[in-house]
Amino acid sequence: MNASLSAASRRDLVFGILTVALLAAVSVAFPSFASPANLADVLNDTSILILLALGQMLVIVTRGIDLSVAANLALSGMIVALLNRSFPAIGVLPIICIAALSGGVLGAFNGLLVWKLRLPPIVVTLGTMSIYRGVIYLLSQGAWVNENEMSREFLRFVRWDFVELTTLSWLAIVVALLGFIALRYSGAGRDMYAAGGNPTAAQYCGIDPGRMQFIAYVISGALAGVCGYLWVARFAVAYTDIALGFELQVIAACLIGGVAIAGGVGSVFGVVLGCLFIGIIRNALPLVGISAFWQMFINGLVILAAVLLSARQRERKRSILEAV
């Protein structure tokens, strides 16, 4: 355990240095990029990705995958947007609670199918991704909910700022800290790593790997639900194709941050670094005159590189164990 933690810490340190080097390289070419105001904008712009990636990390750590996370975000966002349009006097706190409940229920649906029916996570979430997108169309009849149909309180919450950081950034910081504490010091956090690292051994220790996966899906879904409100309020619009394809960036951030696709390995710090790495690239591409569409190509290359690196590390560990 200590050895794995040490290896994870070294990996996070190396990747942290690479992220700082990337930031420095961009800043040398464009000095204004490193200004405090612009860096705050980068963090604000990356906050929703951080929240989603932290939830996805739990799912991957327990040997799952959630391809429906962006569709969950879109459906939960449409639900609260329609609710706010019908009842504009409803407060922000009830909206956030409803968004979290909506996302949690959608995540629980994924988790139950994986846990109780033992269906492959990638197949389950690929199916529910399409289902959730379809439900959005049924609810909205294809119509948009625009800014003029949303209450001021609904929109204003995400724009509140303190020391140049908006509510989005502060939520991402708080959730990251809570996630770090929970995974490092709580029994449930250790059980998740055990269930993903070696499900058979975990069962002998009284840990139900399927139940851990279910909990991970519920948490990931609840975070996606909250992000649905944050996304809609930030961009002041709700429609069927919100965050279409965004699940790829979420998974990329996890893999770039050192989360092993085979489960059992990953850290909050690494995932946050992975998100910031993507955020820096996303904000730097327009400055160097490269279309943002190239980001999908770059994300794909990084995902392949991360998977290959993870596979090599597993093979190296297996060789060491066989030699012993």
C-alpha atoms as a PDB file:
ATOM      1  CA  MET A   1       0.000   0.000   0.000  1.00  0.00           C
ATOM      2  CA  ASN A   2       2.769   2.432   0.939  1.00  0.00           C
ATOM      3  CA  ALA A   3       4.678   1.509  -2.188  1.00  0.00           C
ATOM      4  CA  SER A   4       1.646   2.195  -4.383  1.00  0.00           C
ATOM      5  CA  LEU A   5       1.039   5.497  -2.622  1.00  0.00           C
ATOM      6  CA  SER A   6       4.674   6.413  -3.126  1.00  0.00           C
ATOM      7  CA  ALA A   7       4.458   5.533  -6.821  1.00  0.00           C
ATOM      8  CA  ALA A   8       1.258   7.558  -7.161  1.00  0.00           C
ATOM      9  CA  SER A   9       2.874  10.517  -5.410  1.00  0.00           C
ATOM     10  CA  ARG A  10       5.868  10.369  -7.726  1.00  0.00           C
ATOM     11  CA  ARG A  11       3.605  10.206 -10.762  1.00  0.00           C
ATOM     12  CA  ASP A  12       1.564  13.177  -9.534  1.00  0.00           C
ATOM     13  CA  LEU A  13       4.756  15.126  -8.873  1.00  0.00           C
ATOM     14  CA  VAL A  14       6.118  14.433 -12.361  1.00  0.00           C
ATOM     15  CA  PHE A  15       2.821  15.339 -13.973  1.00  0.00           C
ATOM     16  CA  GLY A  16       2.581  18.472 -11.835  1.00  0.00           C
ATOM     17  CA  ILE A  17       5.981  19.538 -13.166  1.00  0.00           C
ATOM     18  CA  LEU A  18       4.828  18.850 -16.747  1.00  0.00           C
ATOM     19  CA  THR A  19       1.692  20.934 -16.190  1.00  0.00           C
ATOM     20  CA  VAL A  20       3.738  23.833 -14.819  1.00  0.00           C
ATOM     21  CA  ALA A  21       6.142  23.468 -17.754  1.00  0.00           C
ATOM     22  CA  LEU A  22       3.212  23.633 -20.188  1.00  0.00           C
ATOM     23  CA  LEU A  23       1.917  26.754 -18.448  1.00  0.00           C
ATOM     24  CA  ALA A  24       5.383  28.310 -18.548  1.00  0.00           C
ATOM     25  CA  ALA A  25       5.810  27.540 -22.253  1.00  0.00           C
ATOM     26  CA  VAL A  26       2.470  29.145 -23.121  1.00  0.00           C
ATOM     27  CA  SER A  27       3.255  32.111 -20.878  1.00  0.00           C
ATOM     28  CA  VAL A  28       6.607  32.704 -22.573  1.00  0.00           C
ATOM     29  CA  ALA A  29       4.870  32.928 -25.942  1.00  0.00           C
ATOM     30  CA  PHE A  30       1.921  34.898 -24.547  1.00  0.00           C
ATOM     31  CA  PRO A  31       2.916  36.730 -21.319  1.00  0.00           C
ATOM     32  CA  SER A  32      -0.655  37.841 -20.590  1.00  0.00           C
ATOM     33  CA  PHE A  33      -1.680  34.186 -20.272  1.00  0.00           C
ATOM     34  CA  ALA A  34       0.031  33.996 -16.852  1.00  0.00           C
ATOM     35  CA  SER A  35      -1.739  37.040 -15.449  1.00  0.00           C
ATOM     36  CA  PRO A  36      -3.728  36.322 -12.261  1.00  0.00           C
ATOM     37  CA  ALA A  37      -6.988  37.341 -13.927  1.00  0.00           C
ATOM     38  CA  ASN A  38      -6.441  34.992 -16.876  1.00  0.00           C
ATOM     39  CA  LEU A  39      -5.363  32.083 -14.653  1.00  0.00           C
ATOM     40  CA  ALA A  40      -8.525  32.632 -12.614  1.00  0.00           C
ATOM     41  CA  ASP A  41     -10.498  32.473 -15.865  1.00  0.00           C
ATOM     42  CA  VAL A  42      -8.791  29.190 -16.765  1.00  0.00           C
ATOM     43  CA  LEU A  43      -9.749  27.704 -13.389  1.00  0.00           C
ATOM     44  CA  ASN A  44     -13.313  29.004 -13.693  1.00  0.00           C
ATOM     45  CA  ASP A  45     -13.512  27.554 -17.194  1.00  0.00           C
ATOM     46  CA  THR A  46     -12.198  24.169 -15.994  1.00  0.00           C
ATOM     47  CA  SER A  47     -14.255  23.868 -12.800  1.00  0.00           C
ATOM     48  CA  ILE A  48     -17.151  21.871 -14.242  1.00  0.00           C
ATOM     49  CA  LEU A  49     -14.662  19.472 -15.835  1.00  0.00           C
ATOM     50  CA  ILE A  50     -12.981  19.037 -12.433  1.00  0.00           C
ATOM     51  CA  LEU A  51     -16.282  18.235 -10.712  1.00  0.00           C
ATOM     52  CA  LEU A  52     -17.279  15.700 -13.356  1.00  0.00           C
ATOM     53  CA  ALA A  53     -13.820  14.115 -13.479  1.00  0.00           C
ATOM     54  CA  LEU A  54     -13.731  13.641  -9.686  1.00  0.00           C
ATOM     55  CA  GLY A  55     -16.973  11.677  -9.901  1.00  0.00           C
ATOM     56  CA  GLN A  56     -15.744   9.719 -12.922  1.00  0.00           C
ATOM     57  CA  MET A  57     -12.556   8.876 -11.028  1.00  0.00           C
ATOM     58  CA  LEU A  58     -14.564   7.018  -8.381  1.00  0.00           C
ATOM     59  CA  VAL A  59     -16.315   5.001 -11.075  1.00  0.00           C
ATOM     60  CA  ILE A  60     -13.075   4.087 -12.841  1.00  0.00           C
ATOM     61  CA  VAL A  61     -11.304   3.284  -9.575  1.00  0.00           C
ATOM     62  CA  THR A  62     -14.029   0.693  -8.876  1.00  0.00           C
ATOM     63  CA  ARG A  63     -13.520  -0.815 -12.367  1.00  0.00           C
ATOM     64  CA  GLY A  64     -16.424   0.943 -14.046  1.00  0.00           C
ATOM     65  CA  ILE A  65     -16.878   3.616 -16.677  1.00  0.00           C
ATOM     66  CA  ASP A  66     -19.631   6.197 -17.157  1.00  0.00           C
ATOM     67  CA  LEU A  67     -20.199   7.301 -20.733  1.00  0.00           C
ATOM     68  CA  SER A  68     -23.544   8.858 -19.750  1.00  0.00           C
ATOM     69  CA  VAL A  69     -22.094  11.549 -17.484  1.00  0.00           C
ATOM     70  CA  ALA A  70     -22.550  14.373 -20.012  1.00  0.00           C
ATOM     71  CA  ALA A  71     -26.063  13.185 -20.891  1.00  0.00           C
ATOM     72  CA  ASN A  72     -26.835  13.100 -17.152  1.00  0.00           C
ATOM     73  CA  LEU A  73     -25.593  16.684 -16.905  1.00  0.00           C
ATOM     74  CA  ALA A  74     -27.752  17.732 -19.862  1.00  0.00           C
ATOM     75  CA  LEU A  75     -30.919  16.039 -18.590  1.00  0.00           C
ATOM     76  CA  SER A  76     -30.538  17.364 -15.040  1.00  0.00           C
ATOM     77  CA  GLY A  77     -29.811  20.817 -16.420  1.00  0.00           C
ATOM     78  CA  MET A  78     -32.932  20.731 -18.585  1.00  0.00           C
ATOM     79  CA  ILE A  79     -35.054  19.551 -15.630  1.00  0.00           C
ATOM     80  CA  VAL A  80     -34.015  22.462 -13.398  1.00  0.00           C
ATOM     81  CA  ALA A  81     -34.245  24.955 -16.291  1.00  0.00           C
ATOM     82  CA  LEU A  82     -37.844  23.892 -17.008  1.00  0.00           C
ATOM     83  CA  LEU A  83     -38.610  23.944 -13.292  1.00  0.00           C
ATOM     84  CA  ASN A  84     -37.214  27.448 -12.933  1.00  0.00           C
ATOM     85  CA  ARG A  85     -39.190  28.631 -15.958  1.00  0.00           C
ATOM     86  CA  SER A  86     -42.421  27.305 -14.432  1.00  0.00           C
ATOM     87  CA  PHE A  87     -41.641  28.417 -10.873  1.00  0.00           C
ATOM     88  CA  PRO A  88     -39.265  31.402 -11.108  1.00  0.00           C
ATOM     89  CA  ALA A  89     -39.617  32.198  -7.405  1.00  0.00           C
ATOM     90  CA  ILE A  90     -38.028  28.915  -6.358  1.00  0.00           C
ATOM     91  CA  GLY A  91     -34.680  29.481  -4.629  1.00  0.00           C
ATOM     92  CA  VAL A  92     -31.232  28.387  -5.762  1.00  0.00           C
ATOM     93  CA  LEU A  93     -30.757  25.871  -2.923  1.00  0.00           C
ATOM     94  CA  PRO A  94     -33.860  23.834  -3.891  1.00  0.00           C
ATOM     95  CA  ILE A  95     -32.696  23.960  -7.516  1.00  0.00           C
ATOM     96  CA  ILE A  96     -29.276  22.579  -6.587  1.00  0.00           C
ATOM     97  CA  CYS A  97     -30.825  19.869  -4.389  1.00  0.00           C
ATOM     98  CA  ILE A  98     -33.202  18.827  -7.190  1.00  0.00           C
ATOM     99  CA  ALA A  99     -30.325  18.772  -9.683  1.00  0.00           C
ATOM    100  CA  ALA A 100     -28.228  16.596  -7.347  1.00  0.00           C
ATOM    101  CA  LEU A 101     -31.203  14.280  -6.704  1.00  0.00           C
ATOM    102  CA  SER A 102     -31.952  13.994 -10.414  1.00  0.00           C
ATOM    103  CA  GLY A 103     -28.330  13.184 -11.247  1.00  0.00           C
ATOM    104  CA  GLY A 104     -28.057  10.773  -8.322  1.00  0.00           C
ATOM    105  CA  VAL A 105     -31.130   8.844  -9.478  1.00  0.00           C
ATOM    106  CA  LEU A 106     -29.729   8.588 -13.019  1.00  0.00           C
ATOM    107  CA  GLY A 107     -26.398   7.446 -11.605  1.00  0.00           C
ATOM    108  CA  ALA A 108     -28.141   4.909  -9.351  1.00  0.00           C
ATOM    109  CA  PHE A 109     -29.910   3.484 -12.411  1.00  0.00           C
ATOM    110  CA  ASN A 110     -26.530   2.875 -14.043  1.00  0.00           C
ATOM    111  CA  GLY A 111     -25.144   1.432 -10.826  1.00  0.00           C
ATOM    112  CA  LEU A 112     -28.021  -0.986 -10.294  1.00  0.00           C
ATOM    113  CA  LEU A 113     -27.729  -2.359 -13.830  1.00  0.00           C
ATOM    114  CA  VAL A 114     -23.999  -2.901 -13.351  1.00  0.00           C
ATOM    115  CA  TRP A 115     -24.257  -4.251  -9.797  1.00  0.00           C
ATOM    116  CA  LYS A 116     -27.384  -6.396  -9.774  1.00  0.00           C
ATOM    117  CA  LEU A 117     -27.553  -7.521 -13.391  1.00  0.00           C
ATOM    118  CA  ARG A 118     -23.744  -7.700 -13.787  1.00  0.00           C
ATOM    119  CA  LEU A 119     -23.884  -5.962 -17.154  1.00  0.00           C
ATOM    120  CA  PRO A 120     -20.694  -4.464 -18.638  1.00  0.00           C
ATOM    121  CA  PRO A 121     -20.426  -0.809 -17.515  1.00  0.00           C
ATOM    122  CA  ILE A 122     -19.463   0.436 -20.969  1.00  0.00           C
ATOM    123  CA  VAL A 123     -22.557  -1.175 -22.527  1.00  0.00           C
ATOM    124  CA  VAL A 124     -24.889   0.054 -19.780  1.00  0.00           C
ATOM    125  CA  THR A 125     -23.735   3.662 -19.877  1.00  0.00           C
ATOM    126  CA  LEU A 126     -23.585   3.735 -23.674  1.00  0.00           C
ATOM    127  CA  GLY A 127     -27.256   2.769 -23.655  1.00  0.00           C
ATOM    128  CA  THR A 128     -28.311   5.151 -20.901  1.00  0.00           C
ATOM    129  CA  MET A 129     -26.418   7.973 -22.609  1.00  0.00           C
ATOM    130  CA  SER A 130     -28.812   7.692 -25.553  1.00  0.00           C
ATOM    131  CA  ILE A 131     -31.814   7.210 -23.270  1.00  0.00           C
ATOM    132  CA  TYR A 132     -31.075  10.335 -21.245  1.00  0.00           C
ATOM    133  CA  ARG A 133     -30.583  12.413 -24.396  1.00  0.00           C
ATOM    134  CA  GLY A 134     -33.905  11.131 -25.695  1.00  0.00           C
ATOM    135  CA  VAL A 135     -35.679  12.022 -22.455  1.00  0.00           C
ATOM    136  CA  ILE A 136     -34.388  15.587 -22.769  1.00  0.00           C
ATOM    137  CA  TYR A 137     -36.113  15.870 -26.140  1.00  0.00           C
ATOM    138  CA  LEU A 138     -39.344  14.440 -24.743  1.00  0.00           C
ATOM    139  CA  LEU A 139     -39.325  16.926 -21.856  1.00  0.00           C
ATOM    140  CA  SER A 140     -38.482  19.983 -23.941  1.00  0.00           C
ATOM    141  CA  GLN A 141     -40.066  18.940 -27.256  1.00  0.00           C
ATOM    142  CA  GLY A 142     -36.819  20.115 -28.827  1.00  0.00           C
ATOM    143  CA  ALA A 143     -37.300  23.701 -27.624  1.00  0.00           C
ATOM    144  CA  TRP A 144     -34.619  25.748 -25.895  1.00  0.00           C
ATOM    145  CA  VAL A 145     -34.896  27.422 -22.514  1.00  0.00           C
ATOM    146  CA  ASN A 146     -33.220  30.802 -22.980  1.00  0.00           C
ATOM    147  CA  GLU A 147     -31.824  33.438 -20.640  1.00  0.00           C
ATOM    148  CA  ASN A 148     -34.963  35.577 -20.697  1.00  0.00           C
ATOM    149  CA  GLU A 149     -36.934  32.602 -19.337  1.00  0.00           C
ATOM    150  CA  MET A 150     -34.626  32.101 -16.340  1.00  0.00           C
ATOM    151  CA  SER A 151     -34.817  33.997 -13.061  1.00  0.00           C
ATOM    152  CA  ARG A 152     -32.045  36.389 -12.007  1.00  0.00           C
ATOM    153  CA  GLU A 153     -31.285  34.289  -8.906  1.00  0.00           C
ATOM    154  CA  PHE A 154     -30.958  31.164 -11.059  1.00  0.00           C
ATOM    155  CA  LEU A 155     -28.333  32.860 -13.233  1.00  0.00           C
ATOM    156  CA  ARG A 156     -26.594  34.996 -10.639  1.00  0.00           C
ATOM    157  CA  PHE A 157     -25.410  32.221  -8.302  1.00  0.00           C
ATOM    158  CA  VAL A 158     -22.646  30.940 -10.620  1.00  0.00           C
ATOM    159  CA  ARG A 159     -21.451  34.485 -11.313  1.00  0.00           C
ATOM    160  CA  TRP A 160     -20.790  35.431  -7.706  1.00  0.00           C
ATOM    161  CA  ASP A 161     -17.040  35.897  -7.259  1.00  0.00           C
ATOM    162  CA  PHE A 162     -14.561  36.160  -4.417  1.00  0.00           C
ATOM    163  CA  VAL A 163     -10.882  37.030  -5.006  1.00  0.00           C
ATOM    164  CA  GLU A 164     -11.399  36.702  -8.781  1.00  0.00           C
ATOM    165  CA  LEU A 165     -12.780  33.151  -8.482  1.00  0.00           C
ATOM    166  CA  THR A 166     -16.430  32.448  -9.182  1.00  0.00           C
ATOM    167  CA  THR A 167     -18.749  30.035  -7.401  1.00  0.00           C
ATOM    168  CA  LEU A 168     -17.744  27.403  -9.961  1.00  0.00           C
ATOM    169  CA  SER A 169     -14.103  27.477  -8.859  1.00  0.00           C
ATOM    170  CA  TRP A 170     -14.910  27.477  -5.155  1.00  0.00           C
ATOM    171  CA  LEU A 171     -17.236  24.503  -5.570  1.00  0.00           C
ATOM    172  CA  ALA A 172     -14.526  22.600  -7.452  1.00  0.00           C
ATOM    173  CA  ILE A 173     -11.968  23.425  -4.729  1.00  0.00           C
ATOM    174  CA  VAL A 174     -14.296  22.364  -1.901  1.00  0.00           C
ATOM    175  CA  VAL A 175     -15.334  19.112  -3.616  1.00  0.00           C
ATOM    176  CA  ALA A 176     -11.686  18.285  -4.402  1.00  0.00           C
ATOM    177  CA  LEU A 177     -10.682  18.813  -0.759  1.00  0.00           C
ATOM    178  CA  LEU A 178     -13.596  16.745   0.519  1.00  0.00           C
ATOM    179  CA  GLY A 179     -12.795  14.022  -2.015  1.00  0.00           C
ATOM    180  CA  PHE A 180      -9.146  13.947  -0.973  1.00  0.00           C
ATOM    181  CA  ILE A 181     -10.061  13.642   2.719  1.00  0.00           C
ATOM    182  CA  ALA A 182     -12.718  10.980   2.088  1.00  0.00           C
ATOM    183  CA  LEU A 183     -10.539   8.799  -0.126  1.00  0.00           C
ATOM    184  CA  ARG A 184      -7.442   9.123   2.034  1.00  0.00           C
ATOM    185  CA  TYR A 185      -8.921   8.802   5.522  1.00  0.00           C
ATOM    186  CA  SER A 186     -12.380   7.176   5.364  1.00  0.00           C
ATOM    187  CA  GLY A 187     -13.130   3.471   5.368  1.00  0.00           C
ATOM    188  CA  ALA A 188     -15.427   3.827   2.350  1.00  0.00           C
ATOM    189  CA  GLY A 189     -12.608   5.419   0.352  1.00  0.00           C
ATOM    190  CA  ARG A 190     -10.226   2.590   1.168  1.00  0.00           C
ATOM    191  CA  ASP A 191     -12.940   0.057   0.317  1.00  0.00           C
ATOM    192  CA  MET A 192     -13.347   1.607  -3.141  1.00  0.00           C
ATOM    193  CA  TYR A 193      -9.640   1.255  -3.885  1.00  0.00           C
ATOM    194  CA  ALA A 194      -9.665  -2.320  -2.553  1.00  0.00           C
ATOM    195  CA  ALA A 195     -12.726  -3.257  -4.612  1.00  0.00           C
ATOM    196  CA  GLY A 196     -11.154  -1.889  -7.775  1.00  0.00           C
ATOM    197  CA  GLY A 197      -7.647  -3.146  -7.143  1.00  0.00           C
ATOM    198  CA  ASN A 198      -8.546  -6.758  -6.387  1.00  0.00           C
ATOM    199  CA  PRO A 199     -12.277  -7.579  -6.283  1.00  0.00           C
ATOM    200  CA  THR A 200     -11.705 -11.193  -5.243  1.00  0.00           C
ATOM    201  CA  ALA A 201      -9.512 -10.279  -2.273  1.00  0.00           C
ATOM    202  CA  ALA A 202     -11.958  -7.499  -1.353  1.00  0.00           C
ATOM    203  CA  GLN A 203     -14.795 -10.009  -1.140  1.00  0.00           C
ATOM    204  CA  TYR A 204     -12.777 -12.145   1.259  1.00  0.00           C
ATOM    205  CA  CYS A 205     -12.379  -9.029   3.406  1.00  0.00           C
ATOM    206  CA  GLY A 206     -16.135  -8.480   3.511  1.00  0.00           C
ATOM    207  CA  ILE A 207     -16.231  -5.745   0.846  1.00  0.00           C
ATOM    208  CA  ASP A 208     -18.875  -6.000  -1.875  1.00  0.00           C
ATOM    209  CA  PRO A 209     -17.241  -4.688  -5.106  1.00  0.00           C
ATOM    210  CA  GLY A 210     -20.629  -4.293  -6.786  1.00  0.00           C
ATOM    211  CA  ARG A 211     -21.927  -2.168  -3.935  1.00  0.00           C
ATOM    212  CA  MET A 212     -18.824   0.017  -4.125  1.00  0.00           C
ATOM    213  CA  GLN A 213     -19.441   0.480  -7.850  1.00  0.00           C
ATOM    214  CA  PHE A 214     -23.051   1.419  -7.140  1.00  0.00           C
ATOM    215  CA  ILE A 215     -21.993   4.057  -4.597  1.00  0.00           C
ATOM    216  CA  ALA A 216     -19.453   5.440  -7.076  1.00  0.00           C
ATOM    217  CA  TYR A 217     -22.121   5.744  -9.790  1.00  0.00           C
ATOM    218  CA  VAL A 218     -24.510   7.520  -7.426  1.00  0.00           C
ATOM    219  CA  ILE A 219     -21.850  10.047  -6.348  1.00  0.00           C
ATOM    220  CA  SER A 220     -20.748  10.593  -9.933  1.00  0.00           C
ATOM    221  CA  GLY A 221     -24.361  11.027 -11.010  1.00  0.00           C
ATOM    222  CA  ALA A 222     -25.114  13.515  -8.223  1.00  0.00           C
ATOM    223  CA  LEU A 223     -22.089  15.609  -9.195  1.00  0.00           C
ATOM    224  CA  ALA A 224     -23.167  15.478 -12.832  1.00  0.00           C
ATOM    225  CA  GLY A 225     -26.624  16.659 -11.788  1.00  0.00           C
ATOM    226  CA  VAL A 226     -25.212  19.658  -9.926  1.00  0.00           C
ATOM    227  CA  CYS A 227     -22.995  20.385 -12.925  1.00  0.00           C
ATOM    228  CA  GLY A 228     -26.138  20.367 -15.065  1.00  0.00           C
ATOM    229  CA  TYR A 229     -27.449  23.367 -13.164  1.00  0.00           C
ATOM    230  CA  LEU A 230     -24.019  25.049 -13.157  1.00  0.00           C
ATOM    231  CA  TRP A 231     -23.644  24.589 -16.925  1.00  0.00           C
ATOM    232  CA  VAL A 232     -27.132  25.896 -17.747  1.00  0.00           C
ATOM    233  CA  ALA A 233     -26.803  28.874 -15.402  1.00  0.00           C
ATOM    234  CA  ARG A 234     -23.328  29.720 -16.661  1.00  0.00           C
ATOM    235  CA  PHE A 235     -24.207  29.702 -20.354  1.00  0.00           C
ATOM    236  CA  ALA A 236     -27.810  30.837 -19.747  1.00  0.00           C
ATOM    237  CA  VAL A 237     -29.344  28.282 -22.101  1.00  0.00           C
ATOM    238  CA  ALA A 238     -30.654  24.716 -21.955  1.00  0.00           C
ATOM    239  CA  TYR A 239     -31.158  22.484 -24.994  1.00  0.00           C
ATOM    240  CA  THR A 240     -30.962  18.840 -26.044  1.00  0.00           C
ATOM    241  CA  ASP A 241     -27.308  18.740 -27.121  1.00  0.00           C
ATOM    242  CA  ILE A 242     -25.770  20.477 -24.095  1.00  0.00           C
ATOM    243  CA  ALA A 243     -22.286  19.077 -23.334  1.00  0.00           C
ATOM    244  CA  LEU A 244     -22.499  16.688 -26.283  1.00  0.00           C
ATOM    245  CA  GLY A 245     -19.265  14.678 -26.354  1.00  0.00           C
ATOM    246  CA  PHE A 246     -18.015  16.245 -23.116  1.00  0.00           C
ATOM    247  CA  GLU A 247     -17.739  12.779 -21.529  1.00  0.00           C
ATOM    248  CA  LEU A 248     -14.618  12.229 -23.632  1.00  0.00           C
ATOM    249  CA  GLN A 249     -12.883  15.190 -21.983  1.00  0.00           C
ATOM    250  CA  VAL A 250     -13.936  13.899 -18.564  1.00  0.00           C
ATOM    251  CA  ILE A 251     -12.481  10.444 -19.203  1.00  0.00           C
ATOM    252  CA  ALA A 252      -9.372  11.989 -20.773  1.00  0.00           C
ATOM    253  CA  ALA A 253      -8.801  14.139 -17.678  1.00  0.00           C
ATOM    254  CA  CYS A 254      -8.970  11.041 -15.467  1.00  0.00           C
ATOM    255  CA  LEU A 255      -6.578   8.992 -17.588  1.00  0.00           C
ATOM    256  CA  ILE A 256      -4.173  11.899 -18.032  1.00  0.00           C
ATOM    257  CA  GLY A 257      -4.264  12.357 -14.252  1.00  0.00           C
ATOM    258  CA  GLY A 258      -3.083   8.795 -13.648  1.00  0.00           C
ATOM    259  CA  VAL A 259      -6.362   6.962 -12.971  1.00  0.00           C
ATOM    260  CA  ALA A 260      -5.836   3.357 -14.116  1.00  0.00           C
ATOM    261  CA  ILE A 261      -8.540   2.179 -16.503  1.00  0.00           C
ATOM    262  CA  ALA A 262      -8.200  -1.287 -14.901  1.00  0.00           C
ATOM    263  CA  GLY A 263      -9.264   0.154 -11.534  1.00  0.00           C
ATOM    264  CA  GLY A 264      -7.757   0.509  -8.076  1.00  0.00           C
ATOM    265  CA  VAL A 265      -5.417   3.419  -8.863  1.00  0.00           C
ATOM    266  CA  GLY A 266      -6.053   7.158  -8.945  1.00  0.00           C
ATOM    267  CA  SER A 267      -5.768  10.314  -6.876  1.00  0.00           C
ATOM    268  CA  VAL A 268      -7.742  13.516  -6.511  1.00  0.00           C
ATOM    269  CA  PHE A 269      -4.607  15.599  -7.025  1.00  0.00           C
ATOM    270  CA  GLY A 270      -3.762  13.757 -10.234  1.00  0.00           C
ATOM    271  CA  VAL A 271      -7.283  14.215 -11.625  1.00  0.00           C
ATOM    272  CA  VAL A 272      -7.259  17.943 -10.836  1.00  0.00           C
ATOM    273  CA  LEU A 273      -3.908  18.227 -12.613  1.00  0.00           C
ATOM    274  CA  GLY A 274      -5.325  16.340 -15.591  1.00  0.00           C
ATOM    275  CA  CYS A 275      -8.230  18.776 -15.788  1.00  0.00           C
ATOM    276  CA  LEU A 276      -5.930  21.791 -15.530  1.00  0.00           C
ATOM    277  CA  PHE A 277      -3.680  20.304 -18.231  1.00  0.00           C
ATOM    278  CA  ILE A 278      -6.687  20.065 -20.566  1.00  0.00           C
ATOM    279  CA  GLY A 279      -7.871  23.507 -19.470  1.00  0.00           C
ATOM    280  CA  ILE A 280      -4.543  25.103 -20.309  1.00  0.00           C
ATOM    281  CA  ILE A 281      -4.484  23.430 -23.728  1.00  0.00           C
ATOM    282  CA  ARG A 282      -8.094  24.426 -24.404  1.00  0.00           C
ATOM    283  CA  ASN A 283      -7.418  28.065 -23.562  1.00  0.00           C
ATOM    284  CA  ALA A 284      -4.046  28.179 -25.327  1.00  0.00           C
ATOM    285  CA  LEU A 285      -5.158  26.729 -28.675  1.00  0.00           C
ATOM    286  CA  PRO A 286      -6.966  29.890 -29.876  1.00  0.00           C
ATOM    287  CA  LEU A 287      -3.912  31.969 -28.948  1.00  0.00           C
ATOM    288  CA  VAL A 288      -1.628  29.968 -31.225  1.00  0.00           C
ATOM    289  CA  GLY A 289      -4.171  30.044 -34.040  1.00  0.00           C
ATOM    290  CA  ILE A 290      -5.209  26.387 -33.798  1.00  0.00           C
ATOM    291  CA  SER A 291      -8.890  25.533 -34.069  1.00  0.00           C
ATOM    292  CA  ALA A 292     -10.530  24.257 -30.879  1.00  0.00           C
ATOM    293  CA  PHE A 293     -11.724  21.260 -32.907  1.00  0.00           C
ATOM    294  CA  TRP A 294      -8.157  19.962 -32.769  1.00  0.00           C
ATOM    295  CA  GLN A 295      -8.657  19.513 -29.038  1.00  0.00           C
ATOM    296  CA  MET A 296     -10.584  16.277 -29.704  1.00  0.00           C
ATOM    297  CA  PHE A 297      -7.627  14.995 -31.713  1.00  0.00           C
ATOM    298  CA  ILE A 298      -5.204  15.974 -28.944  1.00  0.00           C
ATOM    299  CA  ASN A 299      -7.439  14.405 -26.281  1.00  0.00           C
ATOM    300  CA  GLY A 300      -7.542  11.175 -28.273  1.00  0.00           C
ATOM    301  CA  LEU A 301      -3.760  11.023 -28.531  1.00  0.00           C
ATOM    302  CA  VAL A 302      -3.364  11.727 -24.820  1.00  0.00           C
ATOM    303  CA  ILE A 303      -5.911   9.029 -23.907  1.00  0.00           C
ATOM    304  CA  LEU A 304      -4.041   6.462 -26.018  1.00  0.00           C
ATOM    305  CA  ALA A 305      -0.714   7.511 -24.485  1.00  0.00           C
ATOM    306  CA  ALA A 306      -2.156   7.289 -20.956  1.00  0.00           C
ATOM    307  CA  VAL A 307      -3.655   3.827 -21.581  1.00  0.00           C
ATOM    308  CA  LEU A 308      -0.397   2.547 -23.087  1.00  0.00           C
ATOM    309  CA  LEU A 309       1.574   3.912 -20.132  1.00  0.00           C
ATOM    310  CA  SER A 310      -0.846   2.316 -17.669  1.00  0.00           C
ATOM    311  CA  ALA A 311      -0.603  -1.014 -19.519  1.00  0.00           C
ATOM    312  CA  ARG A 312       3.206  -0.886 -19.402  1.00  0.00           C
ATOM    313  CA  GLN A 313       3.125  -0.182 -15.671  1.00  0.00           C
ATOM    314  CA  ARG A 314       0.833  -3.177 -15.084  1.00  0.00           C
ATOM    315  CA  GLU A 315       3.099  -5.424 -17.134  1.00  0.00           C
ATOM    316  CA  ARG A 316       6.120  -4.200 -15.190  1.00  0.00           C
ATOM    317  CA  LYS A 317       4.391  -4.959 -11.876  1.00  0.00           C
ATOM    318  CA  ARG A 318       3.343  -8.410 -13.109  1.00  0.00           C
ATOM    319  CA  SER A 319       6.919  -9.172 -14.179  1.00  0.00           C
ATOM    320  CA  ILE A 320       8.238  -8.111 -10.777  1.00  0.00           C
ATOM    321  CA  LEU A 321       5.672 -10.292  -8.955  1.00  0.00           C
ATOM    322  CA  GLU A 322       6.436 -13.281 -11.168  1.00  0.00           C
ATOM    323  CA  ALA A 323      10.148 -12.835 -10.568  1.00  0.00           C
ATOM    324  CA  VAL A 324       9.575 -12.837  -6.796  1.00  0.00           C
END
